[in-house]
Amino acid sequence: MFSQSPCISLQFRWHIGLVIGSGEILFRTERLYLRRLVSNDAPLLCELDSDPEVMRFISRGRPTPRARIEKDYLPRMLGYYRQSPPQGFWAAHLIDTQEFIGWFHLRPDKIDTAEMELGYRLKRAVWGKGLATEGSRALVERAFGEWDYDKVCARTLAVNLASRRVMEKIGLKFEREFFWGADVLPEWAEEERRAVKYFLKRPNPAG
C-alpha cells in the first residue's frame, strides 16, 4: 500500500538502554519502547503518512506534505512535553530490531478537554500483531497509575472497525456516536464523518 516516498528512513542504535541520537524513552512493554519525538524525526513521520492505507480514515489516503510535518505537526507534538503529568506523542519502536513503527499519543481531547484522548498511528507492516493493543494498554495503565488522570477516551470513524476492536480489547466502553465537523474532514459527506467515542474512567479503589 506504499507509494514511493521521498522520505528517508532513519536507523537508531541501542546502547545501555538508550536510543543514541534520539528522544528520551518513556517506557517499554514486552515488544515495544516508546520515546519522545525529536526535531529530526520528520522523515519518519513523513514515511508513515505516505502510506495511503495508514491515511485512509484520516485524509482519504492523501499523504501529509513534508513541509506541513516540519512546520506545523512536529512543533506542536514537541510542545506537549512541557506539560506534567506526561502527555503528548511518542515514537514507537520494536525492541528486537529498533525499527520505528509509528506513534502513540495521550493528550487532552479536542472536544472534551478535561479528558485525555488516546490515539496511535502504526505502519501497515505491523498491523494485526497486537502492537496497537499492547502500546495502548500500557498508556492507559500509566494514565490511571502514576500519572493520575481521571478519564481516558478514544475517537475514530464509525467504519474503522479495527480501531474500535483495539479500544474494546483495552477495556474502553462505547460512549456515543457523533459527527466530525466539515472543518475537521473537509470534502467528506456527512455520513462519512460519522464517528464513535469510547471511554474508560479511573477505577475506584473503594470499589
N, C-alpha and C. Protein backbone atom coordinates (compact mmCIF):
# COMPACT_ATOMS: atom_id res chain seq x y z
N MET A 1 0.81 -1.19 0.00
CA MET A 1 0.00 0.00 0.00
C MET A 1 0.85 1.25 0.00
N PHE A 2 2.19 1.10 0.01
CA PHE A 2 3.07 2.25 -0.03
C PHE A 2 3.27 2.71 -1.46
N SER A 3 3.07 4.01 -1.68
CA SER A 3 3.57 4.60 -2.90
C SER A 3 5.00 5.01 -2.61
N GLN A 4 5.78 5.30 -3.63
CA GLN A 4 7.16 5.69 -3.38
C GLN A 4 7.18 6.99 -2.60
N SER A 5 8.05 7.06 -1.61
CA SER A 5 8.12 8.22 -0.74
C SER A 5 9.46 8.90 -0.85
N PRO A 6 9.50 10.26 -0.82
CA PRO A 6 10.77 10.97 -0.86
C PRO A 6 11.49 10.95 0.47
N CYS A 7 10.82 10.39 1.50
CA CYS A 7 11.41 10.41 2.83
C CYS A 7 12.45 9.32 2.97
N ILE A 8 13.43 9.55 3.82
CA ILE A 8 14.50 8.58 4.07
C ILE A 8 14.32 8.03 5.48
N SER A 9 14.22 6.72 5.61
CA SER A 9 14.09 6.11 6.93
C SER A 9 15.35 6.35 7.74
N LEU A 10 15.19 6.58 9.05
CA LEU A 10 16.31 6.75 9.96
C LEU A 10 16.53 5.47 10.73
N GLN A 11 17.76 5.13 11.00
CA GLN A 11 18.10 3.96 11.78
C GLN A 11 18.62 4.41 13.14
N PHE A 12 18.20 3.71 14.18
CA PHE A 12 18.61 4.04 15.54
C PHE A 12 19.42 2.89 16.12
N ARG A 13 20.36 3.22 17.00
CA ARG A 13 21.21 2.23 17.63
C ARG A 13 20.85 2.11 19.10
N TRP A 14 20.96 0.90 19.61
CA TRP A 14 20.62 0.61 21.00
C TRP A 14 21.90 0.51 21.82
N HIS A 15 21.96 1.20 22.94
CA HIS A 15 23.18 1.16 23.75
C HIS A 15 22.83 1.46 25.20
N ILE A 16 22.99 0.50 26.07
CA ILE A 16 22.77 0.64 27.52
C ILE A 16 21.41 1.27 27.79
N GLY A 17 20.37 0.75 27.11
CA GLY A 17 19.02 1.20 27.40
C GLY A 17 18.64 2.54 26.83
N LEU A 18 19.50 3.16 26.01
CA LEU A 18 19.19 4.47 25.44
C LEU A 18 19.22 4.39 23.93
N VAL A 19 18.40 5.24 23.30
CA VAL A 19 18.44 5.34 21.85
C VAL A 19 19.39 6.47 21.51
N ILE A 20 20.51 6.15 20.88
CA ILE A 20 21.53 7.13 20.61
C ILE A 20 21.01 8.13 19.57
N GLY A 21 21.15 9.42 19.88
CA GLY A 21 20.75 10.46 18.94
C GLY A 21 19.26 10.63 18.84
N SER A 22 18.50 10.06 19.75
CA SER A 22 17.05 10.17 19.66
C SER A 22 16.49 10.55 21.02
N GLY A 23 15.16 10.49 21.14
CA GLY A 23 14.50 11.04 22.31
C GLY A 23 14.50 10.12 23.52
N GLU A 24 14.23 10.72 24.65
CA GLU A 24 14.17 10.01 25.93
C GLU A 24 13.09 8.93 25.90
N ILE A 25 13.42 7.77 26.41
CA ILE A 25 12.48 6.67 26.43
C ILE A 25 11.46 6.86 27.55
N LEU A 26 10.19 6.74 27.20
CA LEU A 26 9.11 6.88 28.18
C LEU A 26 8.93 5.59 28.96
N PHE A 27 8.75 4.48 28.25
CA PHE A 27 8.63 3.17 28.89
C PHE A 27 8.78 2.09 27.84
N ARG A 28 8.90 0.85 28.33
CA ARG A 28 8.96 -0.32 27.47
C ARG A 28 7.81 -1.25 27.81
N THR A 29 7.35 -1.98 26.80
CA THR A 29 6.43 -3.09 27.00
C THR A 29 7.18 -4.36 26.62
N GLU A 30 6.48 -5.45 26.44
CA GLU A 30 7.15 -6.70 26.07
C GLU A 30 7.87 -6.58 24.72
N ARG A 31 7.24 -5.89 23.76
CA ARG A 31 7.80 -5.84 22.41
C ARG A 31 8.14 -4.43 21.92
N LEU A 32 7.73 -3.42 22.64
CA LEU A 32 7.86 -2.04 22.18
C LEU A 32 8.61 -1.19 23.19
N TYR A 33 9.18 -0.09 22.71
CA TYR A 33 9.51 1.01 23.60
C TYR A 33 8.99 2.29 22.96
N LEU A 34 8.54 3.20 23.80
CA LEU A 34 8.05 4.49 23.36
C LEU A 34 9.03 5.55 23.82
N ARG A 35 9.36 6.48 22.94
CA ARG A 35 10.31 7.54 23.26
C ARG A 35 9.75 8.88 22.82
N ARG A 36 10.31 9.93 23.37
CA ARG A 36 9.94 11.27 22.94
C ARG A 36 10.36 11.49 21.49
N LEU A 37 9.54 12.21 20.77
CA LEU A 37 9.93 12.65 19.45
C LEU A 37 11.00 13.73 19.56
N VAL A 38 11.79 13.87 18.53
CA VAL A 38 12.79 14.94 18.45
C VAL A 38 12.65 15.63 17.10
N SER A 39 13.30 16.76 16.94
CA SER A 39 13.09 17.59 15.76
C SER A 39 13.50 16.92 14.46
N ASN A 40 14.44 15.97 14.51
CA ASN A 40 14.87 15.31 13.27
C ASN A 40 14.05 14.07 12.94
N ASP A 41 12.89 13.92 13.57
CA ASP A 41 12.01 12.78 13.28
C ASP A 41 11.09 13.02 12.09
N ALA A 42 11.16 14.19 11.47
CA ALA A 42 10.26 14.49 10.35
C ALA A 42 10.28 13.43 9.25
N PRO A 43 11.45 12.89 8.85
CA PRO A 43 11.44 11.87 7.79
C PRO A 43 10.65 10.62 8.19
N LEU A 44 10.75 10.23 9.46
CA LEU A 44 9.99 9.06 9.91
C LEU A 44 8.49 9.31 9.85
N LEU A 45 8.07 10.49 10.28
CA LEU A 45 6.65 10.82 10.26
C LEU A 45 6.15 10.95 8.83
N CYS A 46 6.98 11.49 7.97
CA CYS A 46 6.62 11.62 6.56
C CYS A 46 6.45 10.25 5.91
N GLU A 47 7.36 9.35 6.20
CA GLU A 47 7.26 8.00 5.65
C GLU A 47 5.98 7.31 6.11
N LEU A 48 5.67 7.44 7.40
CA LEU A 48 4.45 6.85 7.95
C LEU A 48 3.22 7.39 7.23
N ASP A 49 3.14 8.70 7.05
CA ASP A 49 1.96 9.33 6.47
C ASP A 49 1.92 9.22 4.95
N SER A 50 2.94 8.61 4.35
CA SER A 50 2.95 8.43 2.89
C SER A 50 2.15 7.21 2.45
N ASP A 51 1.76 6.38 3.39
CA ASP A 51 1.04 5.15 3.06
C ASP A 51 -0.45 5.45 2.95
N PRO A 52 -1.06 5.24 1.79
CA PRO A 52 -2.48 5.54 1.61
C PRO A 52 -3.39 4.77 2.57
N GLU A 53 -3.02 3.54 2.93
CA GLU A 53 -3.87 2.77 3.84
C GLU A 53 -3.78 3.31 5.26
N VAL A 54 -2.59 3.73 5.68
CA VAL A 54 -2.45 4.34 7.00
C VAL A 54 -3.31 5.59 7.10
N MET A 55 -3.40 6.34 6.00
CA MET A 55 -4.13 7.62 6.00
C MET A 55 -5.57 7.49 5.52
N ARG A 56 -6.03 6.27 5.35
CA ARG A 56 -7.36 6.05 4.77
C ARG A 56 -8.47 6.74 5.54
N PHE A 57 -8.47 6.62 6.86
CA PHE A 57 -9.53 7.19 7.67
C PHE A 57 -9.17 8.57 8.23
N ILE A 58 -8.09 9.13 7.71
CA ILE A 58 -7.62 10.43 8.19
C ILE A 58 -7.73 11.49 7.10
N SER A 59 -7.27 11.11 5.90
CA SER A 59 -7.24 12.08 4.81
C SER A 59 -7.64 11.48 3.47
N ARG A 60 -8.40 10.39 3.52
CA ARG A 60 -8.77 9.65 2.31
C ARG A 60 -7.53 9.11 1.59
N GLY A 61 -6.48 8.85 2.34
CA GLY A 61 -5.28 8.26 1.76
C GLY A 61 -4.25 9.24 1.25
N ARG A 62 -4.52 10.52 1.36
CA ARG A 62 -3.56 11.52 0.90
C ARG A 62 -2.40 11.62 1.88
N PRO A 63 -1.17 11.67 1.38
CA PRO A 63 -0.01 11.80 2.28
C PRO A 63 0.05 13.20 2.89
N THR A 64 0.65 13.29 4.06
CA THR A 64 0.87 14.59 4.69
C THR A 64 2.12 15.20 4.09
N PRO A 65 2.05 16.43 3.57
CA PRO A 65 3.24 17.04 2.98
C PRO A 65 4.38 17.17 4.00
N ARG A 66 5.59 16.96 3.55
CA ARG A 66 6.77 17.06 4.42
C ARG A 66 6.83 18.44 5.10
N ALA A 67 6.55 19.49 4.34
CA ALA A 67 6.63 20.84 4.90
C ALA A 67 5.64 21.03 6.04
N ARG A 68 4.48 20.44 5.91
CA ARG A 68 3.48 20.59 6.97
C ARG A 68 3.91 19.85 8.23
N ILE A 69 4.51 18.68 8.07
CA ILE A 69 5.03 17.94 9.22
C ILE A 69 6.10 18.75 9.93
N GLU A 70 7.02 19.32 9.16
CA GLU A 70 8.15 20.04 9.74
C GLU A 70 7.73 21.35 10.40
N LYS A 71 6.81 22.08 9.78
CA LYS A 71 6.48 23.43 10.24
C LYS A 71 5.26 23.49 11.15
N ASP A 72 4.40 22.47 11.11
CA ASP A 72 3.15 22.51 11.86
C ASP A 72 3.04 21.36 12.85
N TYR A 73 2.97 20.12 12.32
CA TYR A 73 2.68 18.98 13.17
C TYR A 73 3.77 18.69 14.19
N LEU A 74 5.02 18.59 13.75
CA LEU A 74 6.08 18.20 14.66
C LEU A 74 6.31 19.24 15.77
N PRO A 75 6.36 20.54 15.49
CA PRO A 75 6.49 21.51 16.59
C PRO A 75 5.35 21.41 17.60
N ARG A 76 4.13 21.16 17.11
CA ARG A 76 3.00 21.02 18.02
C ARG A 76 3.15 19.76 18.89
N MET A 77 3.61 18.67 18.29
CA MET A 77 3.83 17.43 19.04
C MET A 77 4.87 17.64 20.13
N LEU A 78 5.97 18.32 19.79
CA LEU A 78 7.04 18.53 20.75
C LEU A 78 6.59 19.43 21.90
N GLY A 79 5.64 20.30 21.64
CA GLY A 79 5.19 21.23 22.67
C GLY A 79 4.51 20.58 23.85
N TYR A 80 3.96 19.37 23.67
CA TYR A 80 3.27 18.70 24.77
C TYR A 80 4.22 18.31 25.90
N TYR A 81 5.50 18.16 25.61
CA TYR A 81 6.42 17.66 26.62
C TYR A 81 6.68 18.65 27.76
N ARG A 82 6.21 19.88 27.59
CA ARG A 82 6.34 20.86 28.67
C ARG A 82 5.32 20.63 29.77
N GLN A 83 4.33 19.77 29.50
CA GLN A 83 3.24 19.55 30.45
C GLN A 83 3.58 18.46 31.46
N SER A 84 2.92 18.51 32.60
CA SER A 84 3.05 17.49 33.63
C SER A 84 1.70 17.32 34.32
N PRO A 85 1.27 16.05 34.53
CA PRO A 85 1.90 14.76 34.24
C PRO A 85 2.14 14.60 32.72
N PRO A 86 2.89 13.54 32.35
CA PRO A 86 3.24 13.36 30.93
C PRO A 86 2.00 13.32 30.03
N GLN A 87 2.15 13.93 28.88
CA GLN A 87 1.14 13.86 27.82
C GLN A 87 1.85 14.17 26.52
N GLY A 88 1.21 13.76 25.42
CA GLY A 88 1.78 14.07 24.12
C GLY A 88 1.88 12.87 23.20
N PHE A 89 2.83 12.95 22.27
CA PHE A 89 3.06 11.93 21.25
C PHE A 89 4.41 11.27 21.50
N TRP A 90 4.47 9.96 21.31
CA TRP A 90 5.72 9.23 21.49
C TRP A 90 5.94 8.28 20.33
N ALA A 91 7.15 8.30 19.79
CA ALA A 91 7.52 7.37 18.72
C ALA A 91 7.59 5.96 19.28
N ALA A 92 7.12 5.00 18.51
CA ALA A 92 7.12 3.59 18.92
C ALA A 92 8.14 2.81 18.09
N HIS A 93 8.96 2.00 18.78
CA HIS A 93 9.97 1.17 18.12
C HIS A 93 9.84 -0.26 18.61
N LEU A 94 10.16 -1.20 17.74
CA LEU A 94 10.27 -2.59 18.15
C LEU A 94 11.55 -2.77 18.95
N ILE A 95 11.48 -3.44 20.08
CA ILE A 95 12.66 -3.66 20.91
C ILE A 95 13.67 -4.54 20.18
N ASP A 96 13.21 -5.58 19.51
CA ASP A 96 14.13 -6.55 18.90
C ASP A 96 14.97 -5.95 17.77
N THR A 97 14.37 -5.07 16.97
CA THR A 97 15.05 -4.58 15.77
C THR A 97 15.32 -3.07 15.81
N GLN A 98 14.75 -2.36 16.76
CA GLN A 98 14.82 -0.89 16.85
C GLN A 98 14.04 -0.18 15.75
N GLU A 99 13.27 -0.92 14.95
CA GLU A 99 12.54 -0.31 13.84
C GLU A 99 11.47 0.65 14.35
N PHE A 100 11.40 1.82 13.75
CA PHE A 100 10.31 2.76 14.00
C PHE A 100 9.05 2.22 13.35
N ILE A 101 7.96 2.11 14.11
CA ILE A 101 6.73 1.56 13.56
C ILE A 101 5.55 2.52 13.64
N GLY A 102 5.75 3.71 14.18
CA GLY A 102 4.65 4.65 14.27
C GLY A 102 4.69 5.44 15.57
N TRP A 103 3.52 5.88 16.02
CA TRP A 103 3.47 6.63 17.28
C TRP A 103 2.17 6.36 18.03
N PHE A 104 2.22 6.69 19.32
CA PHE A 104 1.04 6.67 20.19
C PHE A 104 0.91 8.06 20.80
N HIS A 105 -0.31 8.43 21.16
CA HIS A 105 -0.45 9.69 21.88
C HIS A 105 -1.46 9.57 23.02
N LEU A 106 -1.25 10.41 24.01
CA LEU A 106 -2.19 10.62 25.10
C LEU A 106 -2.16 12.12 25.36
N ARG A 107 -3.24 12.80 25.00
CA ARG A 107 -3.27 14.26 25.07
C ARG A 107 -4.68 14.70 25.43
N PRO A 108 -4.88 15.96 25.82
CA PRO A 108 -6.24 16.44 26.09
C PRO A 108 -7.13 16.28 24.87
N ASP A 109 -8.31 15.75 25.07
CA ASP A 109 -9.25 15.56 23.97
C ASP A 109 -9.63 16.91 23.37
N LYS A 110 -9.76 16.98 22.06
CA LYS A 110 -10.05 18.24 21.40
C LYS A 110 -11.47 18.73 21.65
N ILE A 111 -12.38 17.83 21.97
CA ILE A 111 -13.78 18.22 22.20
C ILE A 111 -14.07 18.31 23.69
N ASP A 112 -13.79 17.25 24.44
CA ASP A 112 -13.97 17.25 25.89
C ASP A 112 -12.59 17.42 26.52
N THR A 113 -12.16 18.65 26.69
CA THR A 113 -10.76 18.94 27.01
C THR A 113 -10.33 18.49 28.40
N ALA A 114 -11.28 18.16 29.28
CA ALA A 114 -10.92 17.67 30.61
C ALA A 114 -10.53 16.20 30.58
N GLU A 115 -10.74 15.54 29.45
CA GLU A 115 -10.43 14.12 29.31
C GLU A 115 -9.14 13.95 28.51
N MET A 116 -8.48 12.82 28.69
CA MET A 116 -7.27 12.51 27.93
C MET A 116 -7.63 11.57 26.77
N GLU A 117 -7.24 11.97 25.57
CA GLU A 117 -7.54 11.17 24.39
C GLU A 117 -6.37 10.28 24.03
N LEU A 118 -6.66 9.01 23.85
CA LEU A 118 -5.68 8.01 23.43
C LEU A 118 -5.74 7.86 21.92
N GLY A 119 -4.58 7.72 21.29
CA GLY A 119 -4.56 7.50 19.86
C GLY A 119 -3.25 6.88 19.41
N TYR A 120 -3.20 6.42 18.17
CA TYR A 120 -1.98 5.82 17.63
C TYR A 120 -2.04 5.85 16.11
N ARG A 121 -0.89 5.72 15.49
CA ARG A 121 -0.79 5.56 14.04
C ARG A 121 0.40 4.65 13.79
N LEU A 122 0.15 3.48 13.21
CA LEU A 122 1.20 2.48 13.03
C LEU A 122 1.35 2.08 11.57
N LYS A 123 2.54 1.66 11.21
CA LYS A 123 2.80 1.17 9.86
C LYS A 123 1.98 -0.07 9.56
N ARG A 124 1.57 -0.20 8.32
CA ARG A 124 0.76 -1.37 7.94
C ARG A 124 1.51 -2.67 8.14
N ALA A 125 2.84 -2.65 8.05
CA ALA A 125 3.63 -3.87 8.20
C ALA A 125 3.45 -4.52 9.56
N VAL A 126 3.02 -3.76 10.57
CA VAL A 126 2.86 -4.33 11.90
C VAL A 126 1.39 -4.45 12.31
N TRP A 127 0.47 -4.18 11.41
CA TRP A 127 -0.95 -4.35 11.73
C TRP A 127 -1.25 -5.84 11.99
N GLY A 128 -2.23 -6.07 12.81
CA GLY A 128 -2.69 -7.42 13.08
C GLY A 128 -1.81 -8.23 14.01
N LYS A 129 -0.84 -7.60 14.67
CA LYS A 129 0.09 -8.30 15.56
C LYS A 129 -0.13 -7.95 17.03
N GLY A 130 -1.17 -7.19 17.31
CA GLY A 130 -1.47 -6.85 18.70
C GLY A 130 -0.64 -5.71 19.26
N LEU A 131 0.14 -5.03 18.43
CA LEU A 131 1.01 -3.98 18.93
C LEU A 131 0.23 -2.71 19.29
N ALA A 132 -0.83 -2.40 18.54
CA ALA A 132 -1.67 -1.26 18.90
C ALA A 132 -2.31 -1.48 20.26
N THR A 133 -2.76 -2.70 20.51
CA THR A 133 -3.34 -3.04 21.80
C THR A 133 -2.30 -2.97 22.90
N GLU A 134 -1.12 -3.50 22.64
CA GLU A 134 -0.06 -3.53 23.65
C GLU A 134 0.37 -2.12 24.07
N GLY A 135 0.61 -1.25 23.10
CA GLY A 135 1.01 0.10 23.42
C GLY A 135 -0.09 0.91 24.06
N SER A 136 -1.32 0.75 23.57
CA SER A 136 -2.45 1.49 24.12
C SER A 136 -2.75 1.07 25.55
N ARG A 137 -2.70 -0.22 25.80
CA ARG A 137 -2.96 -0.70 27.17
C ARG A 137 -1.92 -0.15 28.15
N ALA A 138 -0.67 -0.10 27.73
CA ALA A 138 0.38 0.42 28.60
C ALA A 138 0.15 1.90 28.92
N LEU A 139 -0.29 2.67 27.94
CA LEU A 139 -0.56 4.08 28.18
C LEU A 139 -1.74 4.27 29.13
N VAL A 140 -2.77 3.46 28.96
CA VAL A 140 -3.93 3.55 29.86
C VAL A 140 -3.52 3.22 31.29
N GLU A 141 -2.71 2.19 31.46
CA GLU A 141 -2.25 1.82 32.80
C GLU A 141 -1.50 2.96 33.46
N ARG A 142 -0.66 3.64 32.72
CA ARG A 142 0.09 4.77 33.28
C ARG A 142 -0.81 5.98 33.50
N ALA A 143 -1.77 6.16 32.62
CA ALA A 143 -2.69 7.29 32.78
C ALA A 143 -3.44 7.21 34.10
N PHE A 144 -3.87 6.00 34.47
CA PHE A 144 -4.62 5.82 35.71
C PHE A 144 -3.71 5.52 36.90
N GLY A 145 -2.44 5.23 36.64
CA GLY A 145 -1.49 4.93 37.70
C GLY A 145 -0.74 6.16 38.14
N GLU A 146 0.56 6.18 37.82
CA GLU A 146 1.39 7.28 38.32
C GLU A 146 1.03 8.64 37.74
N TRP A 147 0.35 8.69 36.58
CA TRP A 147 0.00 10.00 36.01
C TRP A 147 -1.30 10.55 36.57
N ASP A 148 -2.12 9.71 37.16
CA ASP A 148 -3.28 10.15 37.95
C ASP A 148 -4.34 10.89 37.13
N TYR A 149 -4.57 10.48 35.90
CA TYR A 149 -5.66 11.05 35.11
C TYR A 149 -6.98 10.36 35.47
N ASP A 150 -8.08 11.07 35.30
CA ASP A 150 -9.39 10.56 35.71
C ASP A 150 -10.13 9.80 34.62
N LYS A 151 -9.94 10.21 33.36
CA LYS A 151 -10.72 9.60 32.29
C LYS A 151 -9.91 9.59 31.00
N VAL A 152 -9.94 8.46 30.31
CA VAL A 152 -9.30 8.31 29.01
C VAL A 152 -10.39 8.03 27.99
N CYS A 153 -10.30 8.70 26.86
CA CYS A 153 -11.27 8.44 25.78
C CYS A 153 -10.51 8.17 24.49
N ALA A 154 -11.22 7.72 23.49
CA ALA A 154 -10.65 7.49 22.15
C ALA A 154 -11.76 7.70 21.14
N ARG A 155 -11.39 8.22 20.00
CA ARG A 155 -12.36 8.51 18.94
C ARG A 155 -11.88 7.94 17.62
N THR A 156 -12.79 7.49 16.80
CA THR A 156 -12.47 7.03 15.46
C THR A 156 -13.71 7.09 14.60
N LEU A 157 -13.56 7.01 13.29
CA LEU A 157 -14.71 6.92 12.42
C LEU A 157 -15.47 5.63 12.69
N ALA A 158 -16.77 5.67 12.57
CA ALA A 158 -17.60 4.51 12.89
C ALA A 158 -17.23 3.30 12.05
N VAL A 159 -16.76 3.51 10.84
CA VAL A 159 -16.44 2.38 9.94
C VAL A 159 -15.06 1.80 10.20
N ASN A 160 -14.29 2.42 11.06
CA ASN A 160 -12.93 1.92 11.35
C ASN A 160 -13.02 0.82 12.40
N LEU A 161 -13.40 -0.36 11.96
CA LEU A 161 -13.67 -1.46 12.89
C LEU A 161 -12.40 -1.95 13.58
N ALA A 162 -11.26 -1.88 12.91
CA ALA A 162 -10.02 -2.34 13.54
C ALA A 162 -9.68 -1.50 14.76
N SER A 163 -9.80 -0.18 14.64
CA SER A 163 -9.52 0.68 15.79
C SER A 163 -10.55 0.48 16.90
N ARG A 164 -11.78 0.25 16.53
CA ARG A 164 -12.82 0.01 17.55
C ARG A 164 -12.52 -1.27 18.32
N ARG A 165 -12.00 -2.29 17.64
CA ARG A 165 -11.65 -3.53 18.33
C ARG A 165 -10.51 -3.30 19.32
N VAL A 166 -9.54 -2.47 18.95
CA VAL A 166 -8.45 -2.16 19.88
C VAL A 166 -9.00 -1.48 21.13
N MET A 167 -9.89 -0.51 20.94
CA MET A 167 -10.49 0.18 22.08
C MET A 167 -11.19 -0.80 23.01
N GLU A 168 -11.92 -1.74 22.44
CA GLU A 168 -12.65 -2.71 23.25
C GLU A 168 -11.70 -3.68 23.95
N LYS A 169 -10.62 -4.07 23.28
CA LYS A 169 -9.66 -5.01 23.88
C LYS A 169 -8.97 -4.42 25.10
N ILE A 170 -8.76 -3.10 25.12
CA ILE A 170 -8.07 -2.50 26.27
C ILE A 170 -9.05 -2.02 27.33
N GLY A 171 -10.34 -2.35 27.15
CA GLY A 171 -11.31 -2.09 28.20
C GLY A 171 -12.14 -0.84 28.06
N LEU A 172 -11.96 -0.07 26.98
CA LEU A 172 -12.78 1.12 26.80
C LEU A 172 -14.19 0.72 26.41
N LYS A 173 -15.16 1.52 26.83
CA LYS A 173 -16.57 1.25 26.59
C LYS A 173 -17.15 2.28 25.62
N PHE A 174 -18.08 1.83 24.80
CA PHE A 174 -18.75 2.74 23.88
C PHE A 174 -19.50 3.82 24.66
N GLU A 175 -19.30 5.07 24.25
CA GLU A 175 -20.00 6.18 24.90
C GLU A 175 -21.08 6.78 24.01
N ARG A 176 -20.73 7.14 22.79
CA ARG A 176 -21.74 7.76 21.93
C ARG A 176 -21.24 7.84 20.49
N GLU A 177 -22.18 8.09 19.59
CA GLU A 177 -21.86 8.44 18.22
C GLU A 177 -21.87 9.96 18.09
N PHE A 178 -21.12 10.47 17.12
CA PHE A 178 -21.14 11.89 16.82
C PHE A 178 -20.65 12.05 15.39
N PHE A 179 -20.68 13.27 14.90
CA PHE A 179 -20.19 13.55 13.56
C PHE A 179 -19.05 14.55 13.65
N TRP A 180 -17.92 14.21 13.02
CA TRP A 180 -16.87 15.20 12.90
C TRP A 180 -17.37 16.33 12.02
N GLY A 181 -16.98 17.54 12.34
CA GLY A 181 -17.40 18.69 11.54
C GLY A 181 -16.71 18.72 10.19
N ALA A 182 -17.32 19.46 9.27
CA ALA A 182 -16.73 19.59 7.94
C ALA A 182 -15.40 20.32 8.00
N ASP A 183 -15.15 21.07 9.07
CA ASP A 183 -13.86 21.73 9.21
C ASP A 183 -12.75 20.74 9.53
N VAL A 184 -13.12 19.62 10.17
CA VAL A 184 -12.15 18.58 10.51
C VAL A 184 -11.89 17.66 9.32
N LEU A 185 -12.96 17.28 8.63
CA LEU A 185 -12.85 16.39 7.47
C LEU A 185 -13.48 17.07 6.25
N PRO A 186 -12.81 18.06 5.70
CA PRO A 186 -13.37 18.75 4.53
C PRO A 186 -13.49 17.81 3.34
N GLU A 187 -14.50 18.05 2.55
CA GLU A 187 -14.79 17.27 1.34
C GLU A 187 -15.34 15.88 1.65
N TRP A 188 -15.62 15.58 2.93
CA TRP A 188 -16.25 14.33 3.29
C TRP A 188 -17.75 14.57 3.45
N ALA A 189 -18.57 13.65 2.96
CA ALA A 189 -20.01 13.74 3.16
C ALA A 189 -20.34 13.54 4.64
N GLU A 190 -21.50 14.02 5.06
CA GLU A 190 -21.85 13.94 6.47
C GLU A 190 -21.81 12.51 6.99
N GLU A 191 -22.37 11.56 6.26
CA GLU A 191 -22.39 10.18 6.72
C GLU A 191 -20.97 9.62 6.84
N GLU A 192 -20.07 10.05 5.99
CA GLU A 192 -18.69 9.60 6.07
C GLU A 192 -18.00 10.15 7.31
N ARG A 193 -18.52 11.22 7.87
CA ARG A 193 -17.95 11.83 9.07
C ARG A 193 -18.54 11.26 10.36
N ARG A 194 -19.38 10.24 10.25
CA ARG A 194 -19.94 9.61 11.44
C ARG A 194 -18.81 8.94 12.23
N ALA A 195 -18.77 9.21 13.52
CA ALA A 195 -17.68 8.72 14.36
C ALA A 195 -18.21 8.19 15.68
N VAL A 196 -17.34 7.56 16.43
CA VAL A 196 -17.71 6.99 17.73
C VAL A 196 -16.68 7.42 18.77
N LYS A 197 -17.16 7.51 20.00
CA LYS A 197 -16.29 7.81 21.13
C LYS A 197 -16.40 6.68 22.13
N TYR A 198 -15.24 6.22 22.62
CA TYR A 198 -15.16 5.22 23.68
C TYR A 198 -14.47 5.86 24.88
N PHE A 199 -14.65 5.27 26.05
CA PHE A 199 -14.06 5.88 27.24
C PHE A 199 -13.79 4.83 28.32
N LEU A 200 -12.99 5.24 29.28
CA LEU A 200 -12.76 4.45 30.49
C LEU A 200 -12.41 5.42 31.60
N LYS A 201 -13.01 5.23 32.77
CA LYS A 201 -12.71 6.06 33.92
C LYS A 201 -11.76 5.34 34.85
N ARG A 202 -11.01 6.10 35.61
CA ARG A 202 -10.07 5.53 36.56
C ARG A 202 -10.81 4.67 37.58
N PRO A 203 -10.36 3.45 37.80
CA PRO A 203 -11.01 2.58 38.78
C PRO A 203 -11.04 3.21 40.16
N ASN A 204 -12.13 2.98 40.86
CA ASN A 204 -12.27 3.47 42.22
C ASN A 204 -11.72 2.42 43.19
N PRO A 205 -10.65 2.73 43.92
CA PRO A 205 -10.05 1.74 44.84
C PRO A 205 -11.05 1.22 45.88
N ALA A 206 -12.04 2.05 46.19
CA ALA A 206 -13.04 1.65 47.19
C ALA A 206 -14.08 0.72 46.61
N GLY A 207 -14.00 0.51 45.30
CA GLY A 207 -14.96 -0.38 44.66
C GLY A 207 -16.15 0.35 44.10
